[in-house]
Amino acid sequence: MASTLTDRLSRVVKTMRGQARITESNVQEMLREVRMALLEADVALPVVRDFIARVKDKALGAEVAGSLTPGQALVGIVNRELAATMGDGVADINLAAQPPAVILMAGLQGAGKTTTTAKLARHLIDKRKKKVLTVSADVYRPAAIEQLKTVTKQAGAEWFPSTATDQPLDIVRAALDHAKRHYFDVLLVDTAGRLAIDEALMKEIAELHAALNPVETLFVVDAMQGQDAINTAKAFKEALPLTGIVLTKMDGDSRGGAALSVRQVTGAPIKFAGTSEKIDGLEVFDAQRHAGRVLGMGDIVALVEEVQKGVDIAAAQKLADKVKSGDGFDLNDFLMQISQMKKMGGLSGLIDKLPTQLTGGKTPNVGPADMDRAERDVRRMEGIICSMTPLERRKPELIKATRKRRIAAGAGVQVQEVNRLLNQFEQMQGMMKKMKGGGLMKMMKRMGGMKLPGGPR
C-alpha cells in the first residue's frame, strides 16, 4: 500500500503545481488516484467509499496556506484522514485491574497468535516491568502448546503447562488460579484458532471470555489477509467485546489493506503491530506515524528508537575517539559497524523508515529480491571477517594470496569475495583517515563542490 499510494500522490502533487487553490476538478483527479491505490491495497470497498467522502468534504474549498501547493495541502488532508481511519494516536494495553490482568488472544489459525502472545509478554516485561504468565488453551493443535512453551521461554516469561487431553475451560481456570497464588501481574491466554470461522470456535471462545472476564480481548489479524480480514473481523466482533487489534506480518510483502479495514469494521483500536519475526518485533501502533509511513513521509521517530535500542553508544564513542586520535581503523571496527546495522533491523528495517525526501522523492525502488541480496552480502562480509585471525583483523595488510585462500575456504566463498571486502574496507579506511583532525571539514567541502549523480548540472 505504501509504495503505490506514495507514487500516485507524488504524481498528483506534480500535476497540481501552479494552481492557486483546491477545486472540484483537481480534487476529483487526486481522489481517483487515492481510490485506486486503496483498492489495490485490498482495503474493503465500504471503507474506501467512506474515506474518499471524508477527504473530499475536508478538501473542497480548503485554502492553501503559506508556501504549500494544492497538491501538498491535499496530501496533508489525506494524511490526517488516514490517521483518523486507523484510530488517532496511540492506544496502549490496559492493565487497570486487580492482578492478574487477563488478556485474551483471539484470531484465526495462521494469523500469528502464539508468536504474538510471546511478543506481547516480552513487551510487558521490558516496557511495563510486569511479571507475566502465558497459557495455551489450544487443545486441538498440540504443537501450539509446545510452540508457546518455547517462545515464552525466549520472551523471559513463565509458561503454565496444558495438554491436548485437557478441557480449555479447565486449563484457563487452573492458570488463573496459579497466577493469583503466585502473584503474577498479567496472564496471557492463547486461544485455539481455526482455518475458517465456525460456530464451535466462536462458542468456545465466548465461554472462555465469560470465565476469565479479561481486561483486554485482542483480535490478532494477518496484515496480508486483505478483504478476508473484513469477514473475520465481523465474526469475532459479534462473538466477543473486542478491546483492541494486533496486526501481524506488517514487515511482509503485504498490500496493507487490513490496517484500514479492520479498525473501521470492529471499532476497536489497533494497539500493536508485528514488525519482524524476532521476539522483540512488536511495537505499539501509532496511527499518525503509520499514516506518515504509508504516504512516504517515513518514520524518523521509529528510526531514532531503533538506533537508541540497537547501537552501543559506548562502542561508537570509542571508535570516534580512535579515529580522532589517528589510530588505524581496522577490520574489527568494520565488523562492529556491520553488527550495529544488524541490531537496527538490517537494511530493510532502516530503508522502510526513511522519508521519501531522502530517497529521491519517491519510494525506494528496492524489491524484496534486491533487499535479500543486500542482506546476504552483509552476512557474507561478516562471515569473511570472522574467518580471519585476530592478527589479520588488526593488520589487514598481512592478508596476501595464501591467507586469502584460507579465509575464503573458511567462509565458504570465492577468493574474489575476499578481495571485494578488502577493497570496500580500504575505501572506508581512507575515509576515516580524512576525518582525522580537521580532515572531515575539508572532505565535506570537496564533496560540496562535486556534482552528484542525478543532481543539477
Protein backbone atom coordinates (compact mmCIF):
# COMPACT_ATOMS: atom_id res chain seq x y z
CA MET A 1 0.00 0.00 0.00
CA ALA A 2 2.78 2.41 0.95
CA SER A 3 4.68 2.41 -2.33
CA THR A 4 1.56 2.51 -4.54
CA LEU A 5 -0.12 5.33 -2.65
CA THR A 6 3.11 7.31 -2.33
CA ASP A 7 3.87 7.09 -6.04
CA ARG A 8 0.33 8.03 -7.05
CA LEU A 9 0.22 11.02 -4.69
CA SER A 10 3.65 12.19 -5.90
CA ARG A 11 2.28 12.32 -9.45
CA VAL A 12 -0.75 14.32 -8.31
CA VAL A 13 1.41 16.83 -6.43
CA LYS A 14 3.46 17.41 -9.60
CA THR A 15 0.43 17.85 -11.87
CA MET A 16 -1.16 20.39 -9.49
CA ARG A 17 1.85 22.73 -9.45
CA GLY A 18 0.99 26.31 -10.25
CA GLN A 19 -2.67 26.02 -9.26
CA ALA A 20 -3.76 28.58 -6.67
CA ARG A 21 -6.40 26.62 -4.79
CA ILE A 22 -8.04 23.25 -4.38
CA THR A 23 -11.01 22.90 -6.74
CA GLU A 24 -13.64 20.30 -7.61
CA SER A 25 -11.71 19.20 -10.70
CA ASN A 26 -8.26 18.76 -9.15
CA VAL A 27 -9.78 17.07 -6.07
CA GLN A 28 -11.52 14.53 -8.32
CA GLU A 29 -8.23 13.76 -10.07
CA MET A 30 -6.39 13.21 -6.82
CA LEU A 31 -9.17 11.17 -5.21
CA ARG A 32 -9.28 8.88 -8.25
CA GLU A 33 -5.61 8.06 -7.65
CA VAL A 34 -6.17 7.55 -3.91
CA ARG A 35 -9.21 5.33 -4.55
CA MET A 36 -7.25 3.12 -6.96
CA ALA A 37 -4.31 2.85 -4.56
CA LEU A 38 -6.56 1.83 -1.65
CA LEU A 39 -8.45 -0.76 -3.70
CA GLU A 40 -5.16 -2.21 -4.97
CA ALA A 41 -4.06 -2.40 -1.33
CA ASP A 42 -7.09 -4.66 -0.65
CA VAL A 43 -8.91 -2.12 1.51
CA ALA A 44 -12.61 -3.06 1.74
CA LEU A 45 -14.85 -1.12 -0.65
CA PRO A 46 -17.16 0.35 2.07
CA VAL A 47 -14.09 1.65 3.90
CA VAL A 48 -12.70 3.20 0.70
CA ARG A 49 -16.00 4.94 -0.05
CA ASP A 50 -16.23 6.40 3.46
CA PHE A 51 -12.60 7.51 3.39
CA ILE A 52 -12.89 9.21 -0.02
CA ALA A 53 -16.08 11.01 1.03
CA ARG A 54 -14.39 12.39 4.15
CA VAL A 55 -11.32 13.57 2.26
CA LYS A 56 -13.44 15.24 -0.42
CA ASP A 57 -15.56 17.00 2.20
CA LYS A 58 -12.46 18.35 4.01
CA ALA A 59 -10.57 19.27 0.82
CA LEU A 60 -13.17 21.15 -1.22
CA GLY A 61 -12.60 24.87 -1.00
CA ALA A 62 -9.76 24.49 1.51
CA GLU A 63 -7.35 27.42 1.40
CA VAL A 64 -3.75 26.66 0.51
CA ALA A 65 -1.72 28.11 3.36
CA GLY A 66 1.70 29.75 3.11
CA SER A 67 4.14 28.14 0.72
CA LEU A 68 2.13 24.91 0.29
CA THR A 69 0.91 23.89 -3.14
CA PRO A 70 -2.62 22.47 -3.56
CA GLY A 71 -1.08 19.02 -4.03
CA GLN A 72 0.82 19.26 -0.77
CA ALA A 73 -2.27 20.52 1.04
CA LEU A 74 -4.27 17.54 -0.26
CA VAL A 75 -1.58 15.13 0.88
CA GLY A 76 -1.83 16.71 4.34
CA ILE A 77 -5.60 16.12 4.39
CA VAL A 78 -5.15 12.51 3.23
CA ASN A 79 -2.52 12.01 5.94
CA ARG A 80 -4.87 13.26 8.68
CA GLU A 81 -7.77 11.15 7.45
CA LEU A 82 -5.59 8.03 7.16
CA ALA A 83 -4.55 8.50 10.78
CA ALA A 84 -8.18 9.02 11.82
CA THR A 85 -9.27 5.88 9.93
CA MET A 86 -6.65 3.79 11.74
CA GLY A 87 -7.55 5.36 15.11
CA ASP A 88 -5.93 8.67 16.01
CA GLY A 89 -2.91 8.47 18.30
CA VAL A 90 -1.72 5.57 20.42
CA ALA A 91 -3.88 3.06 22.30
CA ASP A 92 -1.60 1.03 24.56
CA ILE A 93 -2.62 -2.00 26.59
CA ASN A 94 -4.98 -1.52 29.55
CA LEU A 95 -3.75 -3.14 32.77
CA ALA A 96 -6.02 -1.23 35.18
CA ALA A 97 -7.35 -4.28 37.05
CA GLN A 98 -6.77 -6.32 40.19
CA PRO A 99 -3.78 -8.56 39.34
CA PRO A 100 -3.58 -10.72 37.45
CA ALA A 101 -4.85 -8.69 34.49
CA VAL A 102 -6.10 -11.26 31.96
CA ILE A 103 -5.50 -10.69 28.24
CA LEU A 104 -7.34 -12.99 25.81
CA MET A 105 -5.77 -13.51 22.37
CA ALA A 106 -8.29 -14.32 19.58
CA GLY A 107 -7.97 -14.90 15.84
CA LEU A 108 -7.82 -17.45 13.05
CA GLN A 109 -5.18 -20.16 12.79
CA GLY A 110 -2.10 -18.90 10.99
CA ALA A 111 -2.63 -15.26 12.00
CA GLY A 112 0.33 -15.48 14.39
CA LYS A 113 -1.49 -15.60 17.76
CA THR A 114 1.02 -17.83 19.54
CA THR A 115 4.09 -15.85 18.48
CA THR A 116 2.28 -12.58 19.19
CA THR A 117 1.40 -13.83 22.70
CA ALA A 118 5.10 -14.28 23.45
CA LYS A 119 6.00 -10.94 21.84
CA LEU A 120 3.38 -9.22 23.99
CA ALA A 121 4.81 -10.95 27.06
CA ARG A 122 8.25 -9.58 26.17
CA HIS A 123 6.78 -6.10 25.65
CA LEU A 124 5.05 -6.17 29.05
CA ILE A 125 8.22 -7.38 30.77
CA ASP A 126 10.54 -4.85 29.09
CA LYS A 127 8.31 -1.78 28.84
CA ARG A 128 5.88 -2.20 31.73
CA LYS A 129 8.08 -4.24 34.13
CA LYS A 130 5.36 -6.85 34.69
CA LYS A 131 5.56 -10.47 35.87
CA VAL A 132 3.87 -12.41 33.05
CA LEU A 133 2.38 -15.93 32.79
CA THR A 134 1.24 -17.48 29.50
CA VAL A 135 -1.07 -20.43 28.88
CA SER A 136 -2.32 -22.20 25.75
CA ALA A 137 -5.96 -23.28 25.51
CA ASP A 138 -5.40 -24.68 22.00
CA VAL A 139 -6.02 -28.38 22.71
CA TYR A 140 -6.72 -29.13 19.04
CA ARG A 141 -3.16 -28.47 17.94
CA PRO A 142 -0.64 -29.98 20.41
CA ALA A 143 2.20 -28.32 18.52
CA ALA A 144 0.72 -24.92 19.51
CA ILE A 145 1.18 -25.77 23.21
CA GLU A 146 4.84 -26.68 22.68
CA GLN A 147 5.36 -23.62 20.47
CA LEU A 148 4.02 -21.32 23.20
CA LYS A 149 6.30 -23.02 25.74
CA THR A 150 9.34 -22.38 23.52
CA VAL A 151 8.59 -18.75 22.61
CA THR A 152 7.55 -17.90 26.18
CA LYS A 153 10.99 -19.02 27.36
CA GLN A 154 12.59 -16.79 24.71
CA ALA A 155 10.46 -13.87 25.92
CA GLY A 156 11.58 -14.34 29.53
CA ALA A 157 8.05 -15.01 30.82
CA GLU A 158 6.67 -18.09 32.61
CA TRP A 159 4.53 -20.78 30.98
CA PHE A 160 1.62 -22.67 32.55
CA PRO A 161 1.50 -26.31 31.32
CA SER A 162 -1.51 -27.71 29.46
CA THR A 163 -2.11 -30.84 27.37
CA ALA A 164 -4.28 -31.85 24.43
CA THR A 165 -6.40 -34.07 26.72
CA ASP A 166 -7.47 -31.15 28.94
CA GLN A 167 -10.62 -29.10 28.52
CA PRO A 168 -9.98 -25.43 27.55
CA LEU A 169 -12.16 -24.11 30.40
CA ASP A 170 -10.32 -26.26 32.95
CA ILE A 171 -6.96 -25.07 31.59
CA VAL A 172 -7.73 -21.35 31.86
CA ARG A 173 -9.33 -21.66 35.32
CA ALA A 174 -6.28 -23.55 36.62
CA ALA A 175 -3.94 -20.98 35.02
CA LEU A 176 -5.86 -18.08 36.55
CA ASP A 177 -5.74 -19.72 40.00
CA HIS A 178 -1.97 -20.30 39.60
CA ALA A 179 -1.45 -16.67 38.53
CA LYS A 180 -3.31 -15.42 41.61
CA ARG A 181 -1.44 -17.67 44.04
CA HIS A 182 1.98 -16.81 42.62
CA TYR A 183 1.36 -13.05 42.31
CA PHE A 184 1.60 -12.65 38.53
CA ASP A 185 0.72 -9.22 37.14
CA VAL A 186 -0.56 -10.45 33.78
CA LEU A 187 -2.00 -13.72 32.41
CA LEU A 188 -1.87 -14.07 28.60
CA VAL A 189 -4.28 -16.69 27.21
CA ASP A 190 -3.56 -18.08 23.73
CA THR A 191 -6.84 -19.48 22.37
CA ALA A 192 -7.47 -22.04 19.65
CA GLY A 193 -7.67 -20.89 16.06
CA ARG A 194 -9.38 -22.45 13.08
CA LEU A 195 -8.64 -22.31 9.39
CA ALA A 196 -12.04 -20.65 8.96
CA ILE A 197 -14.74 -19.16 11.15
CA ASP A 198 -17.08 -21.80 12.65
CA GLU A 199 -19.72 -21.94 15.38
CA ALA A 200 -17.71 -24.28 17.63
CA LEU A 201 -14.77 -21.86 17.71
CA MET A 202 -16.95 -18.86 18.48
CA LYS A 203 -18.92 -20.68 21.19
CA GLU A 204 -15.75 -21.92 22.90
CA ILE A 205 -14.00 -18.55 22.88
CA ALA A 206 -17.16 -16.83 24.21
CA GLU A 207 -17.21 -19.33 27.11
CA LEU A 208 -13.53 -18.66 27.85
CA HIS A 209 -14.22 -14.92 27.83
CA ALA A 210 -17.10 -15.34 30.27
CA ALA A 211 -14.98 -17.47 32.63
CA LEU A 212 -11.95 -15.16 32.58
CA ASN A 213 -13.55 -11.70 32.32
CA PRO A 214 -10.38 -10.32 30.64
CA VAL A 215 -9.38 -6.65 30.78
CA GLU A 216 -8.25 -6.91 27.15
CA THR A 217 -9.58 -9.08 24.32
CA LEU A 218 -7.15 -8.66 21.43
CA PHE A 219 -8.04 -9.70 17.88
CA VAL A 220 -4.91 -10.89 16.09
CA VAL A 221 -5.18 -10.47 12.32
CA ASP A 222 -2.74 -11.12 9.49
CA ALA A 223 -1.97 -7.86 7.66
CA MET A 224 -1.67 -9.87 4.44
CA GLN A 225 -5.28 -11.10 4.65
CA GLY A 226 -6.76 -8.22 2.69
CA GLN A 227 -10.51 -8.48 2.00
CA ASP A 228 -10.86 -11.67 4.08
CA ALA A 229 -9.94 -9.67 7.18
CA ILE A 230 -13.33 -7.93 6.99
CA ASN A 231 -15.37 -11.15 7.30
CA THR A 232 -13.14 -12.45 10.09
CA ALA A 233 -13.33 -9.16 11.98
CA LYS A 234 -17.16 -9.07 11.74
CA ALA A 235 -17.50 -12.61 13.09
CA PHE A 236 -15.20 -12.02 16.06
CA LYS A 237 -16.84 -8.67 16.81
CA GLU A 238 -20.23 -10.39 17.06
CA ALA A 239 -18.87 -13.12 19.35
CA LEU A 240 -16.61 -11.04 21.60
CA PRO A 241 -16.36 -7.50 23.00
CA LEU A 242 -13.04 -6.76 21.31
CA THR A 243 -10.90 -4.12 23.00
CA GLY A 244 -8.02 -3.98 20.54
CA ILE A 245 -6.39 -5.28 17.37
CA VAL A 246 -2.91 -6.65 16.75
CA LEU A 247 -1.73 -6.57 13.12
CA THR A 248 0.87 -9.24 12.36
CA LYS A 249 3.30 -9.63 9.44
CA MET A 250 3.45 -5.89 8.80
CA ASP A 251 7.00 -6.47 7.54
CA GLY A 252 5.84 -8.96 4.91
CA ASP A 253 5.08 -8.43 1.21
CA SER A 254 1.56 -7.24 2.03
CA ARG A 255 -0.62 -4.59 0.49
CA GLY A 256 -1.60 -3.42 3.96
CA GLY A 257 -5.36 -3.00 3.46
CA ALA A 258 -6.17 -4.79 6.72
CA ALA A 259 -4.81 -1.86 8.75
CA LEU A 260 -7.56 0.37 7.38
CA SER A 261 -10.36 -2.18 7.03
CA VAL A 262 -10.30 -3.95 10.41
CA ARG A 263 -10.23 -0.78 12.51
CA GLN A 264 -13.28 0.58 10.67
CA VAL A 265 -15.29 -2.66 10.92
CA THR A 266 -14.63 -3.53 14.57
CA GLY A 267 -14.44 -0.04 16.02
CA ALA A 268 -11.60 -1.36 18.20
CA PRO A 269 -8.27 0.50 18.15
CA ILE A 270 -5.16 -1.05 16.60
CA LYS A 271 -2.91 -1.46 19.65
CA PHE A 272 0.12 -3.33 18.31
CA ALA A 273 1.85 -4.17 15.03
CA GLY A 274 4.20 -7.09 14.43
CA THR A 275 7.27 -5.69 12.68
CA SER A 276 9.55 -8.74 12.45
CA GLU A 277 9.81 -12.40 13.39
CA LYS A 278 12.08 -11.60 16.33
CA ILE A 279 10.69 -11.91 19.86
CA ASP A 280 11.01 -8.13 20.31
CA GLY A 281 9.40 -7.45 16.92
CA LEU A 282 6.22 -5.90 18.32
CA GLU A 283 5.64 -2.16 18.54
CA VAL A 284 2.83 -0.05 19.98
CA PHE A 285 0.78 1.10 17.00
CA ASP A 286 0.80 4.84 16.39
CA ALA A 287 -1.77 5.77 13.74
CA GLN A 288 -0.13 9.12 12.95
CA ARG A 289 3.30 7.60 12.44
CA HIS A 290 1.93 4.71 10.37
CA ALA A 291 0.00 7.15 8.16
CA GLY A 292 3.27 9.01 7.59
CA ARG A 293 4.97 5.78 6.53
CA VAL A 294 2.12 4.94 4.15
CA LEU A 295 2.47 8.35 2.50
CA GLY A 296 6.25 8.07 2.16
CA MET A 297 6.96 10.53 4.96
CA GLY A 298 8.95 7.84 6.72
CA ASP A 299 9.04 7.18 10.44
CA ILE A 300 12.01 9.08 11.80
CA VAL A 301 10.80 8.58 15.38
CA ALA A 302 10.89 4.80 14.92
CA LEU A 303 14.30 5.08 13.24
CA VAL A 304 15.69 7.04 16.20
CA GLU A 305 14.21 4.47 18.59
CA GLU A 306 15.88 1.65 16.64
CA VAL A 307 19.21 3.48 16.80
CA GLN A 308 18.89 4.11 20.54
CA LYS A 309 17.90 0.50 21.15
CA GLY A 310 20.42 -1.17 18.83
CA VAL A 311 23.53 1.00 18.89
CA ASP A 312 26.17 0.53 21.55
CA ILE A 313 26.81 4.21 22.34
CA ALA A 314 29.98 3.43 24.31
CA ALA A 315 31.42 1.43 21.41
CA ALA A 316 30.52 4.19 18.93
CA GLN A 317 32.23 6.80 21.13
CA LYS A 318 35.30 4.57 21.44
CA LEU A 319 35.52 4.31 17.65
CA ALA A 320 35.11 8.09 17.27
CA ASP A 321 37.93 8.69 19.77
CA LYS A 322 40.09 6.13 17.98
CA VAL A 323 39.61 7.83 14.60
CA LYS A 324 40.20 11.26 16.09
CA SER A 325 43.48 10.17 17.72
CA GLY A 326 44.78 8.84 14.42
CA ASP A 327 44.78 5.14 15.36
CA GLY A 328 44.08 2.89 12.40
CA PHE A 329 40.52 1.85 11.52
CA ASP A 330 40.82 -1.96 11.35
CA LEU A 331 38.61 -4.89 10.38
CA ASN A 332 37.39 -5.31 13.98
CA ASP A 333 35.89 -1.82 13.71
CA PHE A 334 34.43 -2.68 10.29
CA LEU A 335 32.82 -5.81 11.78
CA MET A 336 31.38 -3.74 14.63
CA GLN A 337 29.70 -1.38 12.12
CA ILE A 338 28.07 -4.36 10.38
CA SER A 339 26.89 -5.73 13.73
CA GLN A 340 25.37 -2.37 14.74
CA MET A 341 23.42 -2.17 11.49
CA LYS A 342 22.02 -5.68 12.01
CA LYS A 343 20.86 -4.72 15.52
CA MET A 344 18.85 -1.87 14.00
CA GLY A 345 16.85 -4.28 11.83
CA GLY A 346 19.20 -4.57 8.87
CA LEU A 347 18.98 -2.67 5.59
CA SER A 348 15.27 -3.30 5.04
CA GLY A 349 14.35 -2.09 8.52
CA LEU A 350 16.24 1.18 8.03
CA ILE A 351 15.11 1.93 4.47
CA ASP A 352 11.46 1.32 5.40
CA LYS A 353 11.61 4.16 7.95
CA LEU A 354 13.35 6.73 5.74
CA PRO A 355 11.23 9.57 4.32
CA THR A 356 10.98 9.60 0.53
CA GLN A 357 12.62 13.04 0.59
CA LEU A 358 15.83 11.18 1.46
CA THR A 359 15.31 8.56 -1.21
CA GLY A 360 14.97 10.74 -4.28
CA GLY A 361 11.42 11.97 -3.69
CA LYS A 362 9.80 8.60 -4.18
CA THR A 363 9.54 5.20 -2.57
CA PRO A 364 12.90 3.40 -2.90
CA ASN A 365 12.72 1.12 -5.92
CA VAL A 366 14.17 -1.77 -3.92
CA GLY A 367 12.27 -5.02 -4.28
CA PRO A 368 12.36 -7.98 -1.88
CA ALA A 369 14.89 -9.74 -4.16
CA ASP A 370 17.25 -6.74 -4.08
CA MET A 371 16.92 -6.44 -0.32
CA ASP A 372 17.53 -10.17 0.20
CA ARG A 373 20.66 -9.93 -1.95
CA ALA A 374 21.93 -6.95 0.04
CA GLU A 375 21.27 -8.73 3.35
CA ARG A 376 23.10 -11.82 2.05
CA ASP A 377 26.07 -9.66 1.06
CA VAL A 378 26.21 -8.22 4.57
CA ARG A 379 26.13 -11.70 6.12
CA ARG A 380 28.85 -12.83 3.69
CA MET A 381 31.09 -9.92 4.70
CA GLU A 382 30.55 -10.79 8.34
CA GLY A 383 31.45 -14.43 7.66
CA ILE A 384 34.65 -13.46 5.83
CA ILE A 385 35.88 -11.22 8.66
CA CYS A 386 35.02 -13.90 11.24
CA SER A 387 37.22 -16.37 9.28
CA MET A 388 40.27 -14.17 9.85
CA THR A 389 42.67 -14.44 12.77
CA PRO A 390 42.75 -11.64 15.39
CA LEU A 391 46.12 -10.51 13.96
CA GLU A 392 44.71 -10.34 10.40
CA ARG A 393 41.80 -8.22 11.57
CA ARG A 394 44.14 -5.77 13.28
CA LYS A 395 46.61 -5.73 10.37
CA PRO A 396 44.75 -6.34 7.08
CA GLU A 397 47.93 -5.53 5.13
CA LEU A 398 49.20 -9.02 6.12
CA ILE A 399 46.47 -10.71 4.09
CA LYS A 400 48.17 -11.93 0.92
CA ALA A 401 47.32 -14.74 -1.54
CA THR A 402 47.81 -17.73 0.79
CA ARG A 403 45.87 -16.14 3.63
CA LYS A 404 43.11 -15.07 1.23
CA ARG A 405 42.64 -18.68 0.06
CA ARG A 406 42.45 -19.89 3.67
CA ILE A 407 39.95 -17.16 4.66
CA ALA A 408 37.80 -17.84 1.57
CA ALA A 409 37.71 -21.58 2.35
CA GLY A 410 36.79 -20.88 5.98
CA ALA A 411 33.93 -18.56 4.97
CA GLY A 412 32.74 -20.79 2.12
CA VAL A 413 33.26 -18.13 -0.56
CA GLN A 414 35.47 -17.45 -3.57
CA VAL A 415 38.77 -15.55 -3.21
CA GLN A 416 37.21 -12.74 -5.30
CA GLU A 417 34.72 -12.13 -2.46
CA VAL A 418 37.61 -11.68 -0.01
CA ASN A 419 39.25 -9.21 -2.42
CA ARG A 420 35.97 -7.30 -2.76
CA LEU A 421 35.59 -6.99 1.01
CA LEU A 422 39.18 -5.81 1.42
CA ASN A 423 38.62 -3.16 -1.29
CA GLN A 424 35.49 -1.93 0.47
CA PHE A 425 37.35 -1.84 3.76
CA GLU A 426 40.22 0.16 2.22
CA GLN A 427 37.74 2.73 0.90
CA MET A 428 36.22 3.15 4.36
CA GLN A 429 39.67 3.22 5.95
CA GLY A 430 40.69 6.02 3.59
CA MET A 431 37.56 7.98 4.50
CA MET A 432 38.32 7.53 8.20
CA LYS A 433 41.87 8.85 7.71
CA LYS A 434 40.45 12.01 6.15
CA MET A 435 38.34 12.51 9.27
CA LYS A 436 41.45 12.75 11.45
CA GLY A 437 41.99 16.27 12.77
CA GLY A 438 40.24 18.80 10.54
CA GLY A 439 40.16 16.49 7.56
CA LEU A 440 36.44 15.90 7.87
CA MET A 441 35.59 19.53 7.10
CA LYS A 442 37.92 19.55 4.11
CA MET A 443 36.38 16.34 2.79
CA MET A 444 32.85 17.76 3.16
CA LYS A 445 33.86 20.95 1.33
CA ARG A 446 35.27 18.89 -1.53
CA MET A 447 32.06 16.83 -1.64
CA GLY A 448 30.04 20.05 -1.65
CA GLY A 449 31.73 21.06 -4.89
CA MET A 450 31.08 17.70 -6.56
CA LYS A 451 28.20 17.19 -8.97
CA LEU A 452 26.09 14.37 -7.58
CA PRO A 453 24.51 11.79 -9.92
CA GLY A 454 21.06 12.93 -10.95
CA GLY A 455 21.61 16.37 -9.40
CA PRO A 456 21.65 19.76 -11.11
CA ARG A 457 24.33 20.19 -13.74
